[in-house]
Amino acid sequence: MDLTPKQRRFLRGRAHDLDPAVRVGAAGVTDGVIHAIDTALEARELIKVKLDGDRHQRAEAVATIAERTRSAVAQTIGRVVVLYRPAKEAERRAISLPRE
């Protein structure tokens, strides 16, 4: 899923006050972590995930998480990544992205 710069800016603003919903610890990106992120995305559409590890490990983890959860990375700052994935059912979508 690709986001335009305008959509990323919009999502960053919406995510500002959010607390991390999931934390990826020393064990890395496990099936349990993917399931927790997937569940949180389905419930909220926009979440923050806090990552442990060095810069390269975090970059790999972000790519893996985005791919396995079919979500878009709206922002990455340090150890925190903001992920977005619209709800599968149109009636449950709480966030409507701006168009370019």
N, C-alpha and C. Protein backbone atom coordinates (compact mmCIF):
# COMPACT_ATOMS: atom_id res chain seq x y z
N MET A 1 0.84 -1.18 0.00
CA MET A 1 0.00 0.00 0.00
C MET A 1 0.89 1.24 0.00
N ASP A 2 0.68 2.10 -0.96
CA ASP A 2 1.46 3.32 -1.05
C ASP A 2 0.63 4.52 -0.59
N LEU A 3 1.27 5.41 0.14
CA LEU A 3 0.63 6.63 0.60
C LEU A 3 1.27 7.83 -0.06
N THR A 4 0.47 8.82 -0.36
CA THR A 4 1.00 10.06 -0.91
C THR A 4 1.57 10.89 0.25
N PRO A 5 2.40 11.87 -0.05
CA PRO A 5 2.93 12.73 1.02
C PRO A 5 1.82 13.42 1.83
N LYS A 6 0.77 13.82 1.15
CA LYS A 6 -0.36 14.46 1.84
C LYS A 6 -1.03 13.49 2.81
N GLN A 7 -1.20 12.25 2.40
CA GLN A 7 -1.80 11.24 3.26
C GLN A 7 -0.90 10.91 4.44
N ARG A 8 0.40 10.83 4.21
CA ARG A 8 1.35 10.57 5.30
C ARG A 8 1.28 11.68 6.35
N ARG A 9 1.25 12.92 5.87
CA ARG A 9 1.17 14.07 6.77
C ARG A 9 -0.11 14.00 7.60
N PHE A 10 -1.23 13.67 6.95
CA PHE A 10 -2.51 13.53 7.64
C PHE A 10 -2.44 12.45 8.72
N LEU A 11 -1.88 11.29 8.38
CA LEU A 11 -1.78 10.18 9.33
C LEU A 11 -0.83 10.50 10.48
N ARG A 12 0.27 11.19 10.21
CA ARG A 12 1.19 11.59 11.27
C ARG A 12 0.48 12.47 12.28
N GLY A 13 -0.35 13.38 11.80
CA GLY A 13 -1.11 14.24 12.69
C GLY A 13 -2.10 13.46 13.55
N ARG A 14 -2.76 12.49 12.95
CA ARG A 14 -3.72 11.65 13.70
C ARG A 14 -3.02 10.76 14.73
N ALA A 15 -1.78 10.36 14.43
CA ALA A 15 -1.05 9.42 15.30
C ALA A 15 -0.30 10.12 16.43
N HIS A 16 -0.22 11.43 16.39
CA HIS A 16 0.60 12.17 17.35
C HIS A 16 0.31 11.80 18.80
N ASP A 17 -0.95 11.72 19.18
CA ASP A 17 -1.33 11.47 20.57
C ASP A 17 -1.46 9.99 20.92
N LEU A 18 -1.22 9.11 19.98
CA LEU A 18 -1.36 7.67 20.25
C LEU A 18 -0.18 7.15 21.06
N ASP A 19 -0.47 6.19 21.90
CA ASP A 19 0.57 5.44 22.61
C ASP A 19 0.85 4.17 21.81
N PRO A 20 2.07 3.63 21.92
CA PRO A 20 2.37 2.39 21.19
C PRO A 20 1.42 1.25 21.59
N ALA A 21 0.83 0.61 20.60
CA ALA A 21 -0.11 -0.48 20.85
C ALA A 21 0.61 -1.81 21.03
N VAL A 22 1.78 -1.95 20.39
CA VAL A 22 2.54 -3.20 20.43
C VAL A 22 4.01 -2.85 20.60
N ARG A 23 4.72 -3.70 21.32
CA ARG A 23 6.16 -3.51 21.49
C ARG A 23 6.87 -4.75 20.96
N VAL A 24 7.86 -4.54 20.10
CA VAL A 24 8.66 -5.63 19.56
C VAL A 24 9.94 -5.68 20.37
N GLY A 25 10.12 -6.75 21.12
CA GLY A 25 11.25 -6.86 22.03
C GLY A 25 12.45 -7.55 21.40
N ALA A 26 13.27 -8.10 22.26
CA ALA A 26 14.53 -8.73 21.85
C ALA A 26 14.31 -9.95 20.97
N ALA A 27 13.15 -10.61 21.11
CA ALA A 27 12.87 -11.80 20.30
C ALA A 27 12.62 -11.45 18.84
N GLY A 28 12.37 -10.18 18.56
CA GLY A 28 12.17 -9.74 17.18
C GLY A 28 10.74 -9.93 16.71
N VAL A 29 10.58 -9.99 15.41
CA VAL A 29 9.26 -10.09 14.79
C VAL A 29 8.86 -11.57 14.75
N THR A 30 8.07 -11.96 15.72
CA THR A 30 7.58 -13.33 15.80
C THR A 30 6.16 -13.40 15.26
N ASP A 31 5.64 -14.61 15.13
CA ASP A 31 4.25 -14.78 14.68
C ASP A 31 3.28 -14.14 15.67
N GLY A 32 3.59 -14.20 16.94
CA GLY A 32 2.75 -13.58 17.96
C GLY A 32 2.70 -12.07 17.83
N VAL A 33 3.84 -11.47 17.53
CA VAL A 33 3.91 -10.02 17.33
C VAL A 33 3.10 -9.63 16.09
N ILE A 34 3.25 -10.38 15.02
CA ILE A 34 2.50 -10.10 13.79
C ILE A 34 1.00 -10.20 14.05
N HIS A 35 0.59 -11.22 14.79
CA HIS A 35 -0.82 -11.39 15.12
C HIS A 35 -1.33 -10.21 15.95
N ALA A 36 -0.55 -9.77 16.94
CA ALA A 36 -0.96 -8.64 17.78
C ALA A 36 -1.08 -7.36 16.95
N ILE A 37 -0.14 -7.12 16.06
CA ILE A 37 -0.19 -5.93 15.19
C ILE A 37 -1.38 -6.02 14.25
N ASP A 38 -1.59 -7.20 13.68
CA ASP A 38 -2.71 -7.40 12.76
C ASP A 38 -4.05 -7.13 13.45
N THR A 39 -4.19 -7.63 14.67
CA THR A 39 -5.42 -7.43 15.44
C THR A 39 -5.61 -5.95 15.77
N ALA A 40 -4.53 -5.27 16.18
CA ALA A 40 -4.62 -3.86 16.51
C ALA A 40 -4.96 -3.02 15.28
N LEU A 41 -4.39 -3.35 14.13
CA LEU A 41 -4.70 -2.62 12.91
C LEU A 41 -6.15 -2.80 12.50
N GLU A 42 -6.67 -4.00 12.66
CA GLU A 42 -8.06 -4.25 12.30
C GLU A 42 -9.00 -3.46 13.21
N ALA A 43 -8.63 -3.33 14.47
CA ALA A 43 -9.48 -2.62 15.42
C ALA A 43 -9.37 -1.10 15.30
N ARG A 44 -8.15 -0.59 15.02
CA ARG A 44 -7.92 0.86 15.08
C ARG A 44 -7.52 1.51 13.76
N GLU A 45 -7.03 0.76 12.82
CA GLU A 45 -6.54 1.23 11.52
C GLU A 45 -5.20 1.96 11.59
N LEU A 46 -4.94 2.70 12.63
CA LEU A 46 -3.71 3.49 12.76
C LEU A 46 -3.11 3.19 14.13
N ILE A 47 -1.88 2.66 14.16
CA ILE A 47 -1.25 2.31 15.43
C ILE A 47 0.22 2.72 15.43
N LYS A 48 0.76 2.78 16.64
CA LYS A 48 2.20 2.95 16.81
C LYS A 48 2.76 1.64 17.33
N VAL A 49 3.97 1.31 16.87
CA VAL A 49 4.67 0.11 17.34
C VAL A 49 6.05 0.56 17.80
N LYS A 50 6.45 0.13 18.99
CA LYS A 50 7.77 0.47 19.52
C LYS A 50 8.70 -0.72 19.30
N LEU A 51 9.90 -0.44 18.77
CA LEU A 51 10.85 -1.48 18.41
C LEU A 51 12.11 -1.40 19.24
N ASP A 52 12.66 -2.54 19.60
CA ASP A 52 13.97 -2.61 20.25
C ASP A 52 15.00 -3.03 19.21
N GLY A 53 16.26 -2.89 19.55
CA GLY A 53 17.34 -3.31 18.65
C GLY A 53 18.06 -2.11 18.07
N ASP A 54 19.10 -2.40 17.28
CA ASP A 54 19.85 -1.31 16.67
C ASP A 54 19.14 -0.84 15.40
N ARG A 55 19.69 0.18 14.78
CA ARG A 55 19.06 0.83 13.62
C ARG A 55 18.78 -0.14 12.48
N HIS A 56 19.72 -1.02 12.18
CA HIS A 56 19.56 -1.96 11.07
C HIS A 56 18.50 -3.01 11.38
N GLN A 57 18.49 -3.49 12.63
CA GLN A 57 17.48 -4.46 13.03
C GLN A 57 16.09 -3.84 12.97
N ARG A 58 15.97 -2.58 13.40
CA ARG A 58 14.68 -1.90 13.37
C ARG A 58 14.20 -1.71 11.94
N ALA A 59 15.10 -1.34 11.03
CA ALA A 59 14.72 -1.15 9.63
C ALA A 59 14.21 -2.45 9.01
N GLU A 60 14.89 -3.54 9.31
CA GLU A 60 14.45 -4.85 8.81
C GLU A 60 13.11 -5.24 9.42
N ALA A 61 12.95 -4.96 10.71
CA ALA A 61 11.70 -5.30 11.40
C ALA A 61 10.53 -4.51 10.81
N VAL A 62 10.73 -3.23 10.54
CA VAL A 62 9.67 -2.40 9.95
C VAL A 62 9.26 -2.94 8.59
N ALA A 63 10.22 -3.29 7.76
CA ALA A 63 9.92 -3.84 6.43
C ALA A 63 9.16 -5.16 6.54
N THR A 64 9.59 -6.01 7.46
CA THR A 64 8.93 -7.31 7.66
C THR A 64 7.50 -7.12 8.15
N ILE A 65 7.32 -6.25 9.13
CA ILE A 65 5.99 -6.01 9.69
C ILE A 65 5.06 -5.46 8.62
N ALA A 66 5.50 -4.46 7.88
CA ALA A 66 4.65 -3.86 6.85
C ALA A 66 4.25 -4.88 5.79
N GLU A 67 5.20 -5.73 5.41
CA GLU A 67 4.92 -6.74 4.39
C GLU A 67 3.95 -7.80 4.90
N ARG A 68 4.21 -8.31 6.10
CA ARG A 68 3.38 -9.42 6.62
C ARG A 68 2.00 -8.98 7.06
N THR A 69 1.84 -7.70 7.44
CA THR A 69 0.51 -7.21 7.86
C THR A 69 -0.19 -6.47 6.74
N ARG A 70 0.46 -6.33 5.58
CA ARG A 70 -0.09 -5.59 4.45
C ARG A 70 -0.52 -4.19 4.86
N SER A 71 0.36 -3.52 5.59
CA SER A 71 0.08 -2.16 6.06
C SER A 71 1.07 -1.18 5.45
N ALA A 72 0.77 0.09 5.60
CA ALA A 72 1.65 1.15 5.09
C ALA A 72 2.34 1.83 6.25
N VAL A 73 3.61 2.15 6.06
CA VAL A 73 4.37 2.88 7.07
C VAL A 73 4.13 4.36 6.84
N ALA A 74 3.49 5.01 7.81
CA ALA A 74 3.21 6.44 7.70
C ALA A 74 4.37 7.26 8.21
N GLN A 75 5.10 6.72 9.20
CA GLN A 75 6.21 7.47 9.79
C GLN A 75 7.10 6.52 10.59
N THR A 76 8.38 6.82 10.60
CA THR A 76 9.32 6.13 11.47
C THR A 76 10.19 7.19 12.12
N ILE A 77 10.15 7.22 13.44
CA ILE A 77 11.01 8.14 14.19
C ILE A 77 11.68 7.33 15.29
N GLY A 78 12.99 7.19 15.18
CA GLY A 78 13.73 6.45 16.19
C GLY A 78 13.23 5.04 16.34
N ARG A 79 12.72 4.73 17.50
CA ARG A 79 12.25 3.37 17.81
C ARG A 79 10.75 3.18 17.60
N VAL A 80 10.07 4.19 17.10
CA VAL A 80 8.62 4.11 16.95
C VAL A 80 8.24 4.21 15.47
N VAL A 81 7.35 3.33 15.06
CA VAL A 81 6.84 3.33 13.68
C VAL A 81 5.33 3.46 13.74
N VAL A 82 4.78 4.26 12.83
CA VAL A 82 3.33 4.43 12.71
C VAL A 82 2.87 3.64 11.50
N LEU A 83 1.92 2.74 11.72
CA LEU A 83 1.39 1.88 10.66
C LEU A 83 -0.07 2.18 10.41
N TYR A 84 -0.47 2.09 9.14
CA TYR A 84 -1.86 2.32 8.75
C TYR A 84 -2.32 1.21 7.82
N ARG A 85 -3.53 0.74 8.09
CA ARG A 85 -4.19 -0.20 7.18
C ARG A 85 -5.69 0.00 7.34
N PRO A 86 -6.38 0.33 6.25
CA PRO A 86 -7.83 0.53 6.38
C PRO A 86 -8.54 -0.76 6.76
N ALA A 87 -9.65 -0.62 7.46
CA ALA A 87 -10.46 -1.78 7.84
C ALA A 87 -10.97 -2.47 6.58
N LYS A 88 -11.12 -3.78 6.65
CA LYS A 88 -11.56 -4.55 5.49
C LYS A 88 -12.99 -4.19 5.09
N GLU A 89 -13.82 -3.94 6.08
CA GLU A 89 -15.22 -3.60 5.81
C GLU A 89 -15.35 -2.08 5.75
N ALA A 90 -15.92 -1.58 4.67
CA ALA A 90 -16.03 -0.13 4.47
C ALA A 90 -16.82 0.55 5.59
N GLU A 91 -17.79 -0.12 6.17
CA GLU A 91 -18.60 0.48 7.23
C GLU A 91 -17.79 0.72 8.50
N ARG A 92 -16.74 -0.05 8.71
CA ARG A 92 -15.93 0.05 9.93
C ARG A 92 -14.79 1.04 9.81
N ARG A 93 -14.59 1.61 8.64
CA ARG A 93 -13.46 2.53 8.44
C ARG A 93 -13.72 3.84 9.19
N ALA A 94 -12.79 4.15 10.09
CA ALA A 94 -12.90 5.37 10.90
C ALA A 94 -12.08 6.51 10.32
N ILE A 95 -11.10 6.19 9.48
CA ILE A 95 -10.21 7.19 8.91
C ILE A 95 -10.44 7.26 7.42
N SER A 96 -10.74 8.45 6.94
CA SER A 96 -10.83 8.63 5.49
C SER A 96 -9.67 9.51 5.05
N LEU A 97 -8.83 8.94 4.21
CA LEU A 97 -7.62 9.64 3.77
C LEU A 97 -7.94 10.75 2.79
N PRO A 98 -7.20 11.86 2.86
CA PRO A 98 -7.39 12.91 1.86
C PRO A 98 -6.87 12.44 0.49
N ARG A 99 -7.43 12.98 -0.54
CA ARG A 99 -6.99 12.63 -1.90
C ARG A 99 -6.06 13.72 -2.41
N GLU A 100 -5.16 13.34 -3.30
CA GLU A 100 -4.22 14.30 -3.89
C GLU A 100 -4.94 15.22 -4.84
